[in-house]
PDB file of N, CA and C in Angstrom:
ATOM      1  N   MET A   1       0.820  -1.158  -0.125  1.00  0.00           N
ATOM      2  CA  MET A   1      -0.050   0.092   0.008  1.00  0.00           C
ATOM      3  C   MET A   1       0.697   1.287   0.099  1.00  0.00           C
ATOM      4  N   ASN A   2       0.677   2.209  -0.779  1.00  0.00           N
ATOM      5  CA  ASN A   2       1.341   3.537  -0.599  1.00  0.00           C
ATOM      6  C   ASN A   2      -0.141   4.777  -0.813  1.00  0.00           C
ATOM      7  N   GLU A   3       0.390   5.980  -0.536  1.00  0.00           N
ATOM      8  CA  GLU A   3      -0.453   7.012  -0.532  1.00  0.00           C
ATOM      9  C   GLU A   3      -1.326   7.107  -1.661  1.00  0.00           C
ATOM     10  N   VAL A   4      -0.738   6.886  -2.820  1.00  0.00           N
ATOM     11  CA  VAL A   4      -1.293   7.142  -4.128  1.00  0.00           C
ATOM     12  C   VAL A   4      -2.451   6.018  -4.105  1.00  0.00           C
ATOM     13  N   ASP A   5      -2.495   4.760  -3.859  1.00  0.00           N
ATOM     14  CA  ASP A   5      -3.308   3.663  -3.681  1.00  0.00           C
ATOM     15  C   ASP A   5      -4.644   4.243  -2.929  1.00  0.00           C
ATOM     16  N   VAL A   6      -4.038   4.876  -1.762  1.00  0.00           N
ATOM     17  CA  VAL A   6      -5.062   5.293  -0.635  1.00  0.00           C
ATOM     18  C   VAL A   6      -6.033   6.542  -1.270  1.00  0.00           C
ATOM     19  N   PHE A   7      -5.231   7.477  -1.673  1.00  0.00           N
ATOM     20  CA  PHE A   7      -6.141   8.503  -2.336  1.00  0.00           C
ATOM     21  C   PHE A   7      -6.907   8.020  -3.628  1.00  0.00           C
ATOM     22  N   LYS A   8      -6.531   7.216  -4.571  1.00  0.00           N
ATOM     23  CA  LYS A   8      -7.300   6.405  -5.678  1.00  0.00           C
ATOM     24  C   LYS A   8      -8.536   5.861  -5.132  1.00  0.00           C
ATOM     25  N   ALA A   9      -8.367   5.207  -4.036  1.00  0.00           N
ATOM     26  CA  ALA A   9      -9.471   4.393  -3.303  1.00  0.00           C
ATOM     27  C   ALA A   9     -10.370   5.413  -2.849  1.00  0.00           C
ATOM     28  N   LEU A  10     -10.027   6.707  -2.285  1.00  0.00           N
ATOM     29  CA  LEU A  10     -10.815   7.694  -1.634  1.00  0.00           C
ATOM     30  C   LEU A  10     -11.693   8.184  -2.807  1.00  0.00           C
ATOM     31  N   ALA A  11     -11.195   8.210  -3.857  1.00  0.00           N
ATOM     32  CA  ALA A  11     -11.737   9.308  -4.922  1.00  0.00           C
ATOM     33  C   ALA A  11     -13.007   8.685  -5.756  1.00  0.00           C
ATOM     34  N   ASP A  12     -13.489   7.586  -5.065  1.00  0.00           N
ATOM     35  CA  ASP A  12     -15.030   7.196  -5.769  1.00  0.00           C
ATOM     36  C   ASP A  12     -15.867   7.130  -4.664  1.00  0.00           C
ATOM     37  N   PRO A  13     -17.200   7.686  -4.977  1.00  0.00           N
ATOM     38  CA  PRO A  13     -18.267   7.939  -3.880  1.00  0.00           C
ATOM     39  C   PRO A  13     -18.617   6.653  -3.535  1.00  0.00           C
ATOM     40  N   THR A  14     -18.670   5.412  -4.276  1.00  0.00           N
ATOM     41  CA  THR A  14     -19.159   4.161  -3.827  1.00  0.00           C
ATOM     42  C   THR A  14     -18.219   3.861  -2.910  1.00  0.00           C
ATOM     43  N   ARG A  15     -17.003   3.937  -2.990  1.00  0.00           N
ATOM     44  CA  ARG A  15     -15.836   3.393  -2.059  1.00  0.00           C
ATOM     45  C   ARG A  15     -15.953   4.121  -0.657  1.00  0.00           C
ATOM     46  N   LEU A  16     -16.263   5.543  -0.790  1.00  0.00           N
ATOM     47  CA  LEU A  16     -16.530   6.230   0.481  1.00  0.00           C
ATOM     48  C   LEU A  16     -17.918   5.796   1.002  1.00  0.00           C
ATOM     49  N   LYS A  17     -18.921   5.675   0.248  1.00  0.00           N
ATOM     50  CA  LYS A  17     -20.162   4.881   0.736  1.00  0.00           C
ATOM     51  C   LYS A  17     -19.803   3.560   1.722  1.00  0.00           C
ATOM     52  N   ILE A  18     -18.998   2.754   0.875  1.00  0.00           N
ATOM     53  CA  ILE A  18     -18.610   1.406   1.815  1.00  0.00           C
ATOM     54  C   ILE A  18     -17.999   1.848   3.147  1.00  0.00           C
ATOM     55  N   LEU A  19     -17.087   2.850   3.068  1.00  0.00           N
ATOM     56  CA  LEU A  19     -16.252   3.168   4.303  1.00  0.00           C
ATOM     57  C   LEU A  19     -17.065   3.738   5.246  1.00  0.00           C
ATOM     58  N   GLU A  20     -18.284   4.519   4.992  1.00  0.00           N
ATOM     59  CA  GLU A  20     -19.043   5.236   5.769  1.00  0.00           C
ATOM     60  C   GLU A  20     -19.991   4.003   6.431  1.00  0.00           C
ATOM     61  N   CYS A  21     -20.171   3.033   5.756  1.00  0.00           N
ATOM     62  CA  CYS A  21     -21.101   1.959   6.278  1.00  0.00           C
ATOM     63  C   CYS A  21     -20.480   1.200   7.464  1.00  0.00           C
ATOM     64  N   ILE A  22     -18.932   1.296   7.175  1.00  0.00           N
ATOM     65  CA  ILE A  22     -18.216   0.278   8.311  1.00  0.00           C
ATOM     66  C   ILE A  22     -17.657   1.077   9.285  1.00  0.00           C
ATOM     67  N   LYS A  23     -17.929   2.335   9.320  1.00  0.00           N
ATOM     68  CA  LYS A  23     -17.121   3.221  10.028  1.00  0.00           C
ATOM     69  C   LYS A  23     -17.381   2.855  11.313  1.00  0.00           C
ATOM     70  N   ASP A  24     -18.548   2.665  11.968  1.00  0.00           N
ATOM     71  CA  ASP A  24     -18.994   2.157  13.386  1.00  0.00           C
ATOM     72  C   ASP A  24     -18.657   0.979  13.817  1.00  0.00           C
ATOM     73  N   GLY A  25     -17.970   0.226  13.114  1.00  0.00           N
ATOM     74  CA  GLY A  25     -17.719  -1.372  13.076  1.00  0.00           C
ATOM     75  C   GLY A  25     -17.998  -2.185  12.003  1.00  0.00           C
ATOM     76  N   GLU A  26     -17.727  -3.525  12.350  1.00  0.00           N
ATOM     77  CA  GLU A  26     -17.673  -4.579  11.354  1.00  0.00           C
ATOM     78  C   GLU A  26     -18.917  -4.842  10.888  1.00  0.00           C
ATOM     79  N   LYS A  27     -19.105  -5.087   9.648  1.00  0.00           N
ATOM     80  CA  LYS A  27     -20.360  -5.246   8.843  1.00  0.00           C
ATOM     81  C   LYS A  27     -20.247  -6.327   7.883  1.00  0.00           C
ATOM     82  N   CYS A  28     -21.298  -7.130   7.938  1.00  0.00           N
ATOM     83  CA  CYS A  28     -21.608  -8.120   6.882  1.00  0.00           C
ATOM     84  C   CYS A  28     -21.469  -7.409   5.361  1.00  0.00           C
ATOM     85  N   ILE A  29     -20.983  -8.285   4.363  1.00  0.00           N
ATOM     86  CA  ILE A  29     -21.370  -7.474   3.219  1.00  0.00           C
ATOM     87  C   ILE A  29     -22.549  -7.801   2.618  1.00  0.00           C
ATOM     88  N   CYS A  30     -23.491  -8.397   3.367  1.00  0.00           N
ATOM     89  CA  CYS A  30     -24.801  -8.360   2.889  1.00  0.00           C
ATOM     90  C   CYS A  30     -25.473  -7.181   3.545  1.00  0.00           C
ATOM     91  N   GLU A  31     -24.956  -6.314   4.288  1.00  0.00           N
ATOM     92  CA  GLU A  31     -25.557  -5.026   4.845  1.00  0.00           C
ATOM     93  C   GLU A  31     -25.028  -3.916   3.946  1.00  0.00           C
ATOM     94  N   VAL A  32     -23.742  -4.233   3.607  1.00  0.00           N
ATOM     95  CA  VAL A  32     -22.953  -3.160   2.905  1.00  0.00           C
ATOM     96  C   VAL A  32     -23.392  -3.106   1.392  1.00  0.00           C
ATOM     97  N   ILE A  33     -23.794  -4.148   0.822  1.00  0.00           N
ATOM     98  CA  ILE A  33     -24.329  -3.958  -0.605  1.00  0.00           C
ATOM     99  C   ILE A  33     -25.721  -3.153  -0.698  1.00  0.00           C
ATOM    100  N   PRO A  34     -26.570  -3.402   0.135  1.00  0.00           N
ATOM    101  CA  PRO A  34     -27.956  -2.637   0.191  1.00  0.00           C
ATOM    102  C   PRO A  34     -27.591  -1.155   0.365  1.00  0.00           C
ATOM    103  N   TYR A  35     -26.743  -0.936   1.322  1.00  0.00           N
ATOM    104  CA  TYR A  35     -26.472   0.206   1.961  1.00  0.00           C
ATOM    105  C   TYR A  35     -25.846   1.465   0.859  1.00  0.00           C
ATOM    106  N   THR A  36     -25.221   0.772   0.000  1.00  0.00           N
ATOM    107  CA  THR A  36     -24.428   1.448  -1.387  1.00  0.00           C
ATOM    108  C   THR A  36     -25.625   1.827  -2.385  1.00  0.00           C
ATOM    109  N   GLY A  37     -26.577   0.691  -2.477  1.00  0.00           N
ATOM    110  CA  GLY A  37     -27.567   0.935  -3.485  1.00  0.00           C
ATOM    111  C   GLY A  37     -26.866   0.249  -4.905  1.00  0.00           C
ATOM    112  N   LYS A  38     -25.742  -0.307  -4.803  1.00  0.00           N
ATOM    113  CA  LYS A  38     -24.937  -0.890  -5.968  1.00  0.00           C
ATOM    114  C   LYS A  38     -25.384  -2.427  -6.090  1.00  0.00           C
ATOM    115  N   SER A  39     -24.830  -3.104  -7.069  1.00  0.00           N
ATOM    116  CA  SER A  39     -25.083  -4.347  -7.359  1.00  0.00           C
ATOM    117  C   SER A  39     -23.830  -5.367  -6.510  1.00  0.00           C
ATOM    118  N   GLN A  40     -23.880  -6.487  -6.386  1.00  0.00           N
ATOM    119  CA  GLN A  40     -22.839  -7.499  -5.470  1.00  0.00           C
ATOM    120  C   GLN A  40     -21.708  -7.293  -6.399  1.00  0.00           C
ATOM    121  N   PRO A  41     -21.597  -7.628  -7.713  1.00  0.00           N
ATOM    122  CA  PRO A  41     -20.581  -7.533  -8.557  1.00  0.00           C
ATOM    123  C   PRO A  41     -19.677  -6.140  -8.364  1.00  0.00           C
ATOM    124  N   ASN A  42     -20.641  -5.101  -8.323  1.00  0.00           N
ATOM    125  CA  ASN A  42     -19.973  -3.547  -8.329  1.00  0.00           C
ATOM    126  C   ASN A  42     -19.297  -3.591  -7.031  1.00  0.00           C
ATOM    127  N   VAL A  43     -20.018  -3.965  -5.828  1.00  0.00           N
ATOM    128  CA  VAL A  43     -19.427  -3.770  -4.451  1.00  0.00           C
ATOM    129  C   VAL A  43     -18.262  -4.465  -4.593  1.00  0.00           C
ATOM    130  N   SER A  44     -18.065  -5.682  -4.872  1.00  0.00           N
ATOM    131  CA  SER A  44     -16.984  -6.504  -4.751  1.00  0.00           C
ATOM    132  C   SER A  44     -15.789  -5.904  -5.630  1.00  0.00           C
ATOM    133  N   GLN A  45     -16.052  -5.255  -6.601  1.00  0.00           N
ATOM    134  CA  GLN A  45     -14.825  -4.646  -7.361  1.00  0.00           C
ATOM    135  C   GLN A  45     -14.325  -3.292  -6.518  1.00  0.00           C
ATOM    136  N   HIS A  46     -15.148  -2.748  -5.791  1.00  0.00           N
ATOM    137  CA  HIS A  46     -14.897  -1.574  -5.040  1.00  0.00           C
ATOM    138  C   HIS A  46     -14.114  -1.889  -3.909  1.00  0.00           C
ATOM    139  N   LEU A  47     -14.665  -3.084  -3.429  1.00  0.00           N
ATOM    140  CA  LEU A  47     -13.871  -3.791  -2.007  1.00  0.00           C
ATOM    141  C   LEU A  47     -12.497  -3.965  -2.495  1.00  0.00           C
ATOM    142  N   LYS A  48     -12.415  -4.604  -3.704  1.00  0.00           N
ATOM    143  CA  LYS A  48     -10.938  -5.247  -4.022  1.00  0.00           C
ATOM    144  C   LYS A  48      -9.876  -3.895  -3.927  1.00  0.00           C
ATOM    145  N   VAL A  49     -10.298  -2.871  -4.594  1.00  0.00           N
ATOM    146  CA  VAL A  49      -9.693  -1.596  -4.457  1.00  0.00           C
ATOM    147  C   VAL A  49      -9.467  -0.977  -3.239  1.00  0.00           C
ATOM    148  N   LEU A  50     -10.475  -1.134  -2.359  1.00  0.00           N
ATOM    149  CA  LEU A  50     -10.141  -0.626  -0.906  1.00  0.00           C
ATOM    150  C   LEU A  50      -9.397  -1.692  -0.130  1.00  0.00           C
ATOM    151  N   LYS A  51      -9.238  -2.948  -0.480  1.00  0.00           N
ATOM    152  CA  LYS A  51      -8.155  -3.972   0.274  1.00  0.00           C
ATOM    153  C   LYS A  51      -7.040  -3.831  -0.513  1.00  0.00           C
ATOM    154  N   ILE A  52      -6.728  -3.693  -1.634  1.00  0.00           N
ATOM    155  CA  ILE A  52      -5.369  -3.105  -2.316  1.00  0.00           C
ATOM    156  C   ILE A  52      -4.740  -2.084  -1.537  1.00  0.00           C
ATOM    157  N   ALA A  53      -5.511  -0.945  -1.252  1.00  0.00           N
ATOM    158  CA  ALA A  53      -5.254   0.306  -0.755  1.00  0.00           C
ATOM    159  C   ALA A  53      -4.642  -0.110   0.603  1.00  0.00           C
ATOM    160  N   GLY A  54      -5.253  -1.171   1.252  1.00  0.00           N
ATOM    161  CA  GLY A  54      -5.027  -1.336   2.842  1.00  0.00           C
ATOM    162  C   GLY A  54      -6.103  -0.837   3.674  1.00  0.00           C
ATOM    163  N   LEU A  55      -7.252  -0.461   3.120  1.00  0.00           N
ATOM    164  CA  LEU A  55      -8.140   0.396   3.695  1.00  0.00           C
ATOM    165  C   LEU A  55      -9.255  -0.439   4.462  1.00  0.00           C
ATOM    166  N   VAL A  56      -9.344  -1.677   3.988  1.00  0.00           N
ATOM    167  CA  VAL A  56     -10.375  -2.580   4.441  1.00  0.00           C
ATOM    168  C   VAL A  56      -9.828  -3.902   4.640  1.00  0.00           C
ATOM    169  N   ASP A  57     -10.269  -4.822   5.718  1.00  0.00           N
ATOM    170  CA  ASP A  57     -10.272  -6.013   6.132  1.00  0.00           C
ATOM    171  C   ASP A  57     -11.315  -6.751   6.156  1.00  0.00           C
ATOM    172  N   GLU A  58     -11.227  -8.028   5.424  1.00  0.00           N
ATOM    173  CA  GLU A  58     -12.399  -8.952   5.588  1.00  0.00           C
ATOM    174  C   GLU A  58     -12.122 -10.131   6.232  1.00  0.00           C
ATOM    175  N   ARG A  59     -13.152 -10.801   6.784  1.00  0.00           N
ATOM    176  CA  ARG A  59     -12.926 -12.189   7.632  1.00  0.00           C
ATOM    177  C   ARG A  59     -14.229 -13.144   7.078  1.00  0.00           C
ATOM    178  N   ARG A  60     -13.984 -14.459   7.127  1.00  0.00           N
ATOM    179  CA  ARG A  60     -15.132 -15.035   6.875  1.00  0.00           C
ATOM    180  C   ARG A  60     -15.515 -15.797   8.083  1.00  0.00           C
ATOM    181  N   GLU A  61     -16.932 -15.771   8.417  1.00  0.00           N
ATOM    182  CA  GLU A  61     -17.771 -16.453   9.692  1.00  0.00           C
ATOM    183  C   GLU A  61     -18.777 -17.310   8.915  1.00  0.00           C
ATOM    184  N   GLY A  62     -18.328 -18.545   8.755  1.00  0.00           N
ATOM    185  CA  GLY A  62     -19.429 -19.505   8.135  1.00  0.00           C
ATOM    186  C   GLY A  62     -19.544 -18.931   6.770  1.00  0.00           C
ATOM    187  N   THR A  63     -20.919 -18.639   6.188  1.00  0.00           N
ATOM    188  CA  THR A  63     -20.933 -18.215   4.792  1.00  0.00           C
ATOM    189  C   THR A  63     -21.071 -16.755   4.786  1.00  0.00           C
ATOM    190  N   ARG A  64     -20.715 -15.971   5.834  1.00  0.00           N
ATOM    191  CA  ARG A  64     -20.772 -14.377   5.921  1.00  0.00           C
ATOM    192  C   ARG A  64     -19.297 -13.795   5.633  1.00  0.00           C
ATOM    193  N   ILE A  65     -19.084 -12.956   4.933  1.00  0.00           N
ATOM    194  CA  ILE A  65     -18.116 -12.128   5.033  1.00  0.00           C
ATOM    195  C   ILE A  65     -18.206 -10.884   5.571  1.00  0.00           C
ATOM    196  N   LEU A  66     -17.302 -10.714   6.574  1.00  0.00           N
ATOM    197  CA  LEU A  66     -17.330  -9.522   7.518  1.00  0.00           C
ATOM    198  C   LEU A  66     -16.317  -8.531   6.878  1.00  0.00           C
ATOM    199  N   LEU A  67     -16.774  -7.192   6.947  1.00  0.00           N
ATOM    200  CA  LEU A  67     -15.644  -6.178   6.692  1.00  0.00           C
ATOM    201  C   LEU A  67     -15.661  -5.120   7.791  1.00  0.00           C
ATOM    202  N   LYS A  68     -14.247  -4.648   7.896  1.00  0.00           N
ATOM    203  CA  LYS A  68     -14.040  -3.696   8.806  1.00  0.00           C
ATOM    204  C   LYS A  68     -12.703  -2.901   8.410  1.00  0.00           C
ATOM    205  N   ALA A  69     -12.848  -1.518   8.891  1.00  0.00           N
ATOM    206  CA  ALA A  69     -11.990  -0.590   8.387  1.00  0.00           C
ATOM    207  C   ALA A  69     -10.603  -1.037   8.898  1.00  0.00           C
ATOM    208  N   SER A  70      -9.293  -1.078   8.087  1.00  0.00           N
ATOM    209  CA  SER A  70      -8.004  -2.005   8.884  1.00  0.00           C
ATOM    210  C   SER A  70      -7.587  -0.530   9.648  1.00  0.00           C
ATOM    211  N   ASN A  71      -7.758   0.399   9.514  1.00  0.00           N
ATOM    212  CA  ASN A  71      -7.282   1.591  10.428  1.00  0.00           C
ATOM    213  C   ASN A  71      -8.302   2.620  10.573  1.00  0.00           C
ATOM    214  N   LYS A  72      -8.928   2.889  11.843  1.00  0.00           N
ATOM    215  CA  LYS A  72      -9.633   3.693  11.825  1.00  0.00           C
ATOM    216  C   LYS A  72      -9.291   5.472  11.537  1.00  0.00           C
ATOM    217  N   LYS A  73      -8.030   5.553  11.367  1.00  0.00           N
ATOM    218  CA  LYS A  73      -7.656   6.987  11.293  1.00  0.00           C
ATOM    219  C   LYS A  73      -7.956   7.389   9.913  1.00  0.00           C
ATOM    220  N   ILE A  74      -8.106   6.474   9.083  1.00  0.00           N
ATOM    221  CA  ILE A  74      -8.774   6.996   7.671  1.00  0.00           C
ATOM    222  C   ILE A  74      -9.927   7.749   7.782  1.00  0.00           C
ATOM    223  N   PHE A  75     -10.994   7.474   8.764  1.00  0.00           N
ATOM    224  CA  PHE A  75     -12.027   8.437   8.815  1.00  0.00           C
ATOM    225  C   PHE A  75     -11.620   9.870   9.283  1.00  0.00           C
ATOM    226  N   ASP A  76     -10.522   9.939  10.044  1.00  0.00           N
ATOM    227  CA  ASP A  76      -9.842  11.271  10.210  1.00  0.00           C
ATOM    228  C   ASP A  76      -9.590  12.249   8.803  1.00  0.00           C
ATOM    229  N   VAL A  77      -9.052  11.367   8.055  1.00  0.00           N
ATOM    230  CA  VAL A  77      -8.607  11.986   6.766  1.00  0.00           C
ATOM    231  C   VAL A  77      -9.981  12.225   5.972  1.00  0.00           C
ATOM    232  N   ILE A  78     -10.562  11.400   6.265  1.00  0.00           N
ATOM    233  CA  ILE A  78     -12.235  11.871   5.223  1.00  0.00           C
ATOM    234  C   ILE A  78     -12.906  12.778   5.769  1.00  0.00           C
ATOM    235  N   ASP A  79     -12.830  12.923   7.292  1.00  0.00           N
ATOM    236  CA  ASP A  79     -13.600  14.042   7.875  1.00  0.00           C
ATOM    237  C   ASP A  79     -12.638  15.359   7.676  1.00  0.00           C
ATOM    238  N   SER A  80     -11.420  15.423   7.490  1.00  0.00           N
ATOM    239  CA  SER A  80     -10.603  16.541   7.395  1.00  0.00           C
ATOM    240  C   SER A  80     -10.772  17.140   5.768  1.00  0.00           C
ATOM    241  N   VAL A  81     -11.154  16.064   4.882  1.00  0.00           N
ATOM    242  CA  VAL A  81     -11.703  16.760   3.665  1.00  0.00           C
ATOM    243  C   VAL A  81     -12.915  17.327   3.574  1.00  0.00           C
ATOM    244  N   LYS A  82     -13.815  16.746   4.287  1.00  0.00           N
ATOM    245  CA  LYS A  82     -15.050  17.153   4.404  1.00  0.00           C
ATOM    246  C   LYS A  82     -15.096  18.649   4.844  1.00  0.00           C
ATOM    247  N   LYS A  83     -14.028  18.908   5.793  1.00  0.00           N
ATOM    248  CA  LYS A  83     -14.194  20.219   6.303  1.00  0.00           C
ATOM    249  C   LYS A  83     -13.524  21.257   5.557  1.00  0.00           C
ATOM    250  N   LEU A  84     -12.460  20.612   4.664  1.00  0.00           N
ATOM    251  CA  LEU A  84     -11.886  21.451   3.731  1.00  0.00           C
ATOM    252  C   LEU A  84     -12.914  22.180   2.629  1.00  0.00           C
ATOM    253  N   LYS A  85     -13.908  21.389   2.389  1.00  0.00           N
ATOM    254  CA  LYS A  85     -15.185  21.543   1.369  1.00  0.00           C
ATOM    255  C   LYS A  85     -15.858  22.654   1.990  1.00  0.00           C
ATOM    256  N   MET A  86     -16.059  22.786   3.309  1.00  0.00           N
ATOM    257  CA  MET A  86     -16.814  23.948   4.093  1.00  0.00           C
ATOM    258  C   MET A  86     -15.989  25.324   4.178  1.00  0.00           C
ATOM    259  N   ILE A  87     -14.827  25.249   3.712  1.00  0.00           N
ATOM    260  CA  ILE A  87     -14.151  26.429   3.999  1.00  0.00           C
ATOM    261  C   ILE A  87     -14.301  27.359   2.470  1.00  0.00           C
ATOM    262  N   THR A  88     -14.659  28.484   2.755  1.00  0.00           N
ATOM    263  CA  THR A  88     -14.909  29.442   1.733  1.00  0.00           C
ATOM    264  C   THR A  88     -13.897  30.520   1.575  1.00  0.00           C
ATOM    265  N   VAL A  89     -13.465  30.838   0.435  1.00  0.00           N
ATOM    266  CA  VAL A  89     -12.283  31.822   0.495  1.00  0.00           C
ATOM    267  C   VAL A  89     -12.905  33.397  -0.126  1.00  0.00           C
TER     268      VAL A  89
END
């Protein structure tokens, strides 16, 4: 993982929505898919990018795939960018 991969991963609204969904803790992918409003294959592709960037971890529990943020500090970065948007010049 490098910073370029992280910023590329954060550059997509669907990936941000996935991160938003798991912000408060581990979630089953079965919860993430409807939260995004996207298809299962589409969410899977976005998760791949997030995993390559090192932002998301997954584990299996029986037939369920559970997702969580690899490092909660990513939400500080996202929140900082949101605050930038509110600054007027």
